[in-house]
């Protein structure tokens, strides 16, 4: 059941212009890792007054048992390495976007001309 997912968290723009992802492990322990711009998806843009925004980290889900998901990170963390566990509610399929939750376009019913 290996699949590509995105992990919810926050991304901060550090003073040296690097990006740091902040997330939570299954037990609630916080972790952080330095990432590239291609490892994350930002929900909003950075501004001078806002250097931390919500977003997602692209990860690989290796397995799941009940609500515990076993992930491989794009880069290792200093404290936890490259393999972590998170709660399944923190994950989304990678292809899901905000537009996925919007109203769906309806097709008009076909107009049948009856004689």
N, C-alpha and C. Protein backbone atom coordinates (compact mmCIF):
# COMPACT_ATOMS: atom_id res chain seq x y z
N UNK A 1 0.81 -1.19 0.00
CA UNK A 1 0.00 0.00 0.00
C UNK A 1 0.86 1.26 0.00
N UNK A 2 1.88 1.28 -0.81
CA UNK A 2 2.73 2.45 -0.92
C UNK A 2 2.03 3.48 -1.79
N UNK A 3 1.93 4.72 -1.29
CA UNK A 3 1.28 5.78 -2.06
C UNK A 3 1.86 7.13 -1.70
N UNK A 4 1.80 8.04 -2.65
CA UNK A 4 2.27 9.40 -2.42
C UNK A 4 1.17 10.20 -1.75
N UNK A 5 1.54 10.92 -0.69
CA UNK A 5 0.59 11.71 0.09
C UNK A 5 1.19 13.08 0.37
N UNK A 6 0.39 13.92 1.01
CA UNK A 6 0.91 15.18 1.54
C UNK A 6 0.51 15.29 3.00
N UNK A 7 1.46 15.73 3.81
CA UNK A 7 1.34 15.81 5.25
C UNK A 7 1.09 17.25 5.65
N UNK A 8 0.05 17.48 6.44
CA UNK A 8 -0.32 18.82 6.88
C UNK A 8 0.67 19.33 7.93
N UNK A 9 0.97 20.62 7.87
CA UNK A 9 1.86 21.25 8.84
C UNK A 9 2.00 22.73 8.54
N UNK A 10 3.08 23.31 9.04
CA UNK A 10 3.38 24.70 8.74
C UNK A 10 4.77 24.78 8.13
N UNK A 11 4.96 25.80 7.31
CA UNK A 11 6.26 26.02 6.67
C UNK A 11 6.71 27.42 7.04
N UNK A 12 7.94 27.52 7.49
CA UNK A 12 8.46 28.84 7.86
C UNK A 12 9.61 29.22 6.93
N UNK A 13 9.67 30.50 6.62
CA UNK A 13 10.76 31.06 5.84
C UNK A 13 11.79 31.58 6.85
N UNK A 14 12.93 30.94 6.88
CA UNK A 14 13.96 31.27 7.86
C UNK A 14 14.72 32.53 7.43
N UNK A 15 15.42 33.19 8.37
CA UNK A 15 16.17 34.42 8.02
C UNK A 15 17.20 34.21 6.92
N UNK A 16 17.74 32.99 6.79
CA UNK A 16 18.72 32.73 5.72
C UNK A 16 18.06 32.31 4.42
N UNK A 17 16.71 32.49 4.31
CA UNK A 17 15.90 32.21 3.12
C UNK A 17 15.68 30.73 2.86
N UNK A 18 15.97 29.86 3.83
CA UNK A 18 15.66 28.45 3.69
C UNK A 18 14.24 28.20 4.20
N UNK A 19 13.68 27.06 3.81
CA UNK A 19 12.34 26.68 4.25
C UNK A 19 12.43 25.57 5.27
N UNK A 20 11.59 25.66 6.30
CA UNK A 20 11.55 24.64 7.34
C UNK A 20 10.11 24.19 7.53
N UNK A 21 9.90 22.85 7.45
CA UNK A 21 8.57 22.28 7.67
C UNK A 21 8.45 21.90 9.14
N UNK A 22 7.29 22.19 9.75
CA UNK A 22 7.00 21.85 11.13
C UNK A 22 5.76 20.96 11.15
N UNK A 23 5.85 19.80 11.77
CA UNK A 23 4.72 18.88 11.84
C UNK A 23 4.68 18.15 13.17
N UNK A 24 3.71 17.24 13.30
CA UNK A 24 3.54 16.47 14.53
C UNK A 24 3.58 14.98 14.23
N UNK A 25 4.27 14.24 15.08
CA UNK A 25 4.29 12.80 14.99
C UNK A 25 3.00 12.24 15.56
N UNK A 26 2.82 10.93 15.47
CA UNK A 26 1.60 10.30 15.96
C UNK A 26 1.36 10.57 17.44
N UNK A 27 2.42 10.57 18.24
CA UNK A 27 2.27 10.78 19.69
C UNK A 27 2.18 12.26 20.08
N UNK A 28 2.16 13.17 19.09
CA UNK A 28 2.05 14.59 19.38
C UNK A 28 3.38 15.31 19.45
N UNK A 29 4.48 14.58 19.40
CA UNK A 29 5.80 15.20 19.41
C UNK A 29 5.99 16.02 18.15
N UNK A 30 6.51 17.23 18.31
CA UNK A 30 6.74 18.08 17.15
C UNK A 30 8.08 17.72 16.51
N UNK A 31 8.13 17.86 15.19
CA UNK A 31 9.39 17.66 14.47
C UNK A 31 9.50 18.76 13.42
N UNK A 32 10.70 18.95 12.94
CA UNK A 32 10.95 19.94 11.90
C UNK A 32 12.09 19.45 11.02
N UNK A 33 12.05 19.87 9.75
CA UNK A 33 13.13 19.55 8.85
C UNK A 33 13.25 20.61 7.78
N UNK A 34 14.48 20.82 7.32
CA UNK A 34 14.73 21.75 6.23
C UNK A 34 14.28 21.10 4.94
N UNK A 35 13.59 21.87 4.10
CA UNK A 35 13.04 21.35 2.86
C UNK A 35 13.37 22.29 1.70
N UNK A 36 13.22 21.76 0.49
CA UNK A 36 13.32 22.58 -0.72
C UNK A 36 11.93 23.06 -1.09
N UNK A 37 11.85 24.03 -1.97
CA UNK A 37 10.55 24.56 -2.39
C UNK A 37 9.72 23.51 -3.11
N UNK A 38 10.36 22.49 -3.68
CA UNK A 38 9.63 21.45 -4.41
C UNK A 38 9.14 20.33 -3.50
N UNK A 39 9.52 20.36 -2.22
CA UNK A 39 9.08 19.36 -1.25
C UNK A 39 7.78 19.74 -0.57
N UNK A 40 7.33 20.98 -0.75
CA UNK A 40 6.17 21.49 -0.02
C UNK A 40 5.17 22.16 -0.95
N UNK A 41 3.94 22.28 -0.43
CA UNK A 41 2.89 23.04 -1.10
C UNK A 41 2.38 24.05 -0.08
N UNK A 42 2.49 25.33 -0.41
CA UNK A 42 2.06 26.40 0.49
C UNK A 42 0.59 26.70 0.28
N UNK A 43 -0.15 26.94 1.35
CA UNK A 43 -1.55 27.34 1.23
C UNK A 43 -1.70 28.84 0.99
N UNK A 44 -0.66 29.60 1.29
CA UNK A 44 -0.67 31.04 1.08
C UNK A 44 0.76 31.50 0.89
N UNK A 45 0.94 32.72 0.41
CA UNK A 45 2.27 33.24 0.14
C UNK A 45 2.90 33.83 1.40
N UNK A 46 4.23 33.83 1.43
CA UNK A 46 4.95 34.51 2.51
C UNK A 46 4.85 36.01 2.29
N UNK A 47 4.81 36.75 3.39
CA UNK A 47 4.80 38.21 3.36
C UNK A 47 5.79 38.69 4.40
N UNK A 48 6.20 39.94 4.33
CA UNK A 48 7.12 40.44 5.35
C UNK A 48 6.56 40.29 6.77
N UNK A 49 5.25 40.40 6.91
CA UNK A 49 4.64 40.28 8.23
C UNK A 49 4.24 38.83 8.57
N UNK A 50 4.33 37.93 7.59
CA UNK A 50 3.94 36.54 7.82
C UNK A 50 5.01 35.61 7.23
N UNK A 51 5.89 35.10 8.10
CA UNK A 51 6.96 34.23 7.63
C UNK A 51 6.67 32.76 7.92
N UNK A 52 5.51 32.47 8.51
CA UNK A 52 5.08 31.08 8.73
C UNK A 52 3.67 30.93 8.17
N UNK A 53 3.50 29.93 7.30
CA UNK A 53 2.20 29.70 6.66
C UNK A 53 1.84 28.22 6.78
N UNK A 54 0.57 27.92 6.60
CA UNK A 54 0.15 26.52 6.60
C UNK A 54 0.42 25.92 5.23
N UNK A 55 0.57 24.62 5.21
CA UNK A 55 0.83 23.95 3.94
C UNK A 55 1.02 22.46 4.13
N UNK A 56 1.62 21.83 3.13
CA UNK A 56 1.79 20.38 3.10
C UNK A 56 3.20 20.00 2.69
N UNK A 57 3.67 18.89 3.21
CA UNK A 57 4.95 18.28 2.84
C UNK A 57 4.65 17.04 2.02
N UNK A 58 5.29 16.88 0.87
CA UNK A 58 5.10 15.69 0.05
C UNK A 58 5.87 14.53 0.66
N UNK A 59 5.17 13.45 0.96
CA UNK A 59 5.75 12.28 1.62
C UNK A 59 5.31 11.01 0.89
N UNK A 60 5.86 9.88 1.30
CA UNK A 60 5.45 8.58 0.79
C UNK A 60 4.91 7.76 1.96
N UNK A 61 3.66 7.33 1.86
CA UNK A 61 3.07 6.47 2.88
C UNK A 61 3.45 5.03 2.57
N UNK A 62 4.16 4.40 3.49
CA UNK A 62 4.64 3.04 3.29
C UNK A 62 3.63 2.00 3.77
N UNK A 63 2.93 2.31 4.87
CA UNK A 63 1.97 1.36 5.43
C UNK A 63 1.05 2.10 6.38
N UNK A 64 -0.04 1.39 6.76
CA UNK A 64 -0.99 1.94 7.72
C UNK A 64 -1.53 0.81 8.57
N UNK A 65 -1.63 1.06 9.86
CA UNK A 65 -2.22 0.11 10.80
C UNK A 65 -3.16 0.90 11.69
N UNK A 66 -4.45 0.63 11.57
CA UNK A 66 -5.49 1.40 12.26
C UNK A 66 -5.35 2.87 11.84
N UNK A 67 -5.13 3.79 12.79
CA UNK A 67 -4.98 5.20 12.43
C UNK A 67 -3.52 5.66 12.41
N UNK A 68 -2.58 4.73 12.50
CA UNK A 68 -1.15 5.05 12.46
C UNK A 68 -0.63 4.84 11.04
N UNK A 69 -0.02 5.90 10.48
CA UNK A 69 0.55 5.81 9.15
C UNK A 69 2.07 5.91 9.24
N UNK A 70 2.74 5.05 8.51
CA UNK A 70 4.20 4.99 8.48
C UNK A 70 4.66 5.70 7.22
N UNK A 71 5.47 6.76 7.38
CA UNK A 71 5.86 7.62 6.28
C UNK A 71 7.36 7.63 6.06
N UNK A 72 7.73 7.90 4.81
CA UNK A 72 9.11 8.22 4.46
C UNK A 72 9.14 9.68 4.05
N UNK A 73 10.01 10.45 4.71
CA UNK A 73 10.15 11.88 4.43
C UNK A 73 11.08 12.10 3.25
N UNK A 74 10.99 13.26 2.58
CA UNK A 74 11.91 13.53 1.47
C UNK A 74 13.35 13.73 1.92
N UNK A 75 13.52 14.15 3.16
CA UNK A 75 14.85 14.35 3.75
C UNK A 75 14.78 13.92 5.21
N UNK A 76 15.88 13.47 5.79
CA UNK A 76 15.82 13.05 7.20
C UNK A 76 15.78 14.23 8.16
N UNK A 77 15.13 14.00 9.31
CA UNK A 77 15.17 14.98 10.40
C UNK A 77 16.38 14.64 11.27
N UNK A 78 16.84 15.60 12.04
CA UNK A 78 17.98 15.34 12.91
C UNK A 78 17.62 14.36 14.03
N UNK A 79 16.41 14.50 14.59
CA UNK A 79 16.03 13.68 15.74
C UNK A 79 15.41 12.34 15.38
N UNK A 80 14.68 12.27 14.27
CA UNK A 80 13.87 11.08 13.99
C UNK A 80 14.25 10.33 12.72
N UNK A 81 15.18 10.85 11.95
CA UNK A 81 15.58 10.19 10.72
C UNK A 81 14.60 10.43 9.60
N UNK A 82 14.52 9.45 8.68
CA UNK A 82 13.69 9.63 7.49
C UNK A 82 12.36 8.90 7.58
N UNK A 83 12.16 8.04 8.58
CA UNK A 83 10.93 7.28 8.76
C UNK A 83 10.22 7.77 10.02
N UNK A 84 8.93 8.13 9.87
CA UNK A 84 8.16 8.61 11.02
C UNK A 84 6.76 7.99 10.98
N UNK A 85 6.03 8.14 12.08
CA UNK A 85 4.62 7.74 12.12
C UNK A 85 3.78 8.97 12.45
N UNK A 86 2.63 9.07 11.77
CA UNK A 86 1.71 10.18 11.99
C UNK A 86 0.29 9.63 12.05
N UNK A 87 -0.63 10.46 12.51
CA UNK A 87 -2.05 10.09 12.54
C UNK A 87 -2.60 10.21 11.12
N UNK A 88 -3.47 9.30 10.73
CA UNK A 88 -3.98 9.29 9.35
C UNK A 88 -4.76 10.56 8.99
N UNK A 89 -5.30 11.27 9.97
CA UNK A 89 -6.05 12.50 9.68
C UNK A 89 -5.15 13.65 9.23
N UNK A 90 -3.84 13.49 9.37
CA UNK A 90 -2.91 14.53 8.93
C UNK A 90 -2.52 14.38 7.46
N UNK A 91 -2.98 13.32 6.80
CA UNK A 91 -2.59 13.04 5.42
C UNK A 91 -3.71 13.29 4.44
N UNK A 92 -3.32 13.65 3.23
CA UNK A 92 -4.26 13.79 2.12
C UNK A 92 -3.60 13.18 0.89
N UNK A 93 -4.41 12.71 -0.05
CA UNK A 93 -3.84 12.28 -1.33
C UNK A 93 -3.13 13.45 -1.99
N UNK A 94 -2.05 13.18 -2.69
CA UNK A 94 -1.25 14.25 -3.27
C UNK A 94 -1.99 15.04 -4.33
N UNK A 95 -2.89 14.40 -5.06
CA UNK A 95 -3.57 15.08 -6.16
C UNK A 95 -4.73 15.96 -5.72
N UNK A 96 -5.12 15.93 -4.47
CA UNK A 96 -6.23 16.75 -3.98
C UNK A 96 -5.81 18.21 -3.90
N UNK A 97 -6.69 19.08 -4.41
CA UNK A 97 -6.46 20.53 -4.33
C UNK A 97 -7.68 21.18 -3.68
N UNK A 98 -7.59 22.45 -3.43
CA UNK A 98 -8.72 23.16 -2.82
C UNK A 98 -9.92 23.14 -3.76
N UNK A 99 -9.68 23.11 -5.05
CA UNK A 99 -10.77 23.06 -6.02
C UNK A 99 -11.55 21.75 -5.90
N UNK A 100 -10.93 20.70 -5.36
CA UNK A 100 -11.60 19.42 -5.20
C UNK A 100 -12.80 19.52 -4.26
N UNK A 101 -12.80 20.53 -3.40
CA UNK A 101 -13.85 20.68 -2.42
C UNK A 101 -14.92 21.69 -2.83
N UNK A 102 -14.75 22.29 -4.00
CA UNK A 102 -15.71 23.28 -4.48
C UNK A 102 -16.92 22.63 -5.11
N UNK A 103 -17.88 23.44 -5.48
CA UNK A 103 -19.09 22.90 -6.12
C UNK A 103 -18.74 22.28 -7.47
N UNK A 104 -19.42 21.25 -7.80
CA UNK A 104 -19.22 20.56 -9.08
C UNK A 104 -20.11 21.21 -10.14
N UNK A 105 -19.60 21.27 -11.34
CA UNK A 105 -20.40 21.81 -12.44
C UNK A 105 -21.45 20.77 -12.82
N UNK A 106 -22.65 21.24 -12.95
CA UNK A 106 -23.74 20.34 -13.35
C UNK A 106 -23.92 20.42 -14.85
N UNK A 107 -24.17 19.29 -15.41
CA UNK A 107 -24.49 19.28 -16.83
C UNK A 107 -26.00 19.38 -16.95
N UNK A 108 -26.47 20.21 -17.86
CA UNK A 108 -27.93 20.36 -17.98
C UNK A 108 -28.54 19.04 -18.44
N UNK A 109 -29.75 18.78 -17.98
CA UNK A 109 -30.40 17.54 -18.43
C UNK A 109 -30.63 17.59 -19.93
N UNK A 110 -30.49 16.44 -20.53
CA UNK A 110 -30.68 16.40 -21.98
C UNK A 110 -32.12 16.75 -22.33
N UNK A 111 -32.27 17.50 -23.35
CA UNK A 111 -33.60 17.92 -23.76
C UNK A 111 -34.13 16.92 -24.77
N UNK A 112 -35.06 16.14 -24.33
CA UNK A 112 -35.67 15.15 -25.20
C UNK A 112 -36.91 15.74 -25.82
N UNK A 113 -36.91 15.77 -27.13
CA UNK A 113 -38.10 16.26 -27.84
C UNK A 113 -39.01 15.08 -28.09
N UNK A 114 -40.15 15.11 -27.43
CA UNK A 114 -41.09 14.01 -27.62
C UNK A 114 -42.16 14.46 -28.62
N UNK A 115 -42.50 13.57 -29.52
CA UNK A 115 -43.48 13.91 -30.53
C UNK A 115 -44.88 13.50 -30.15
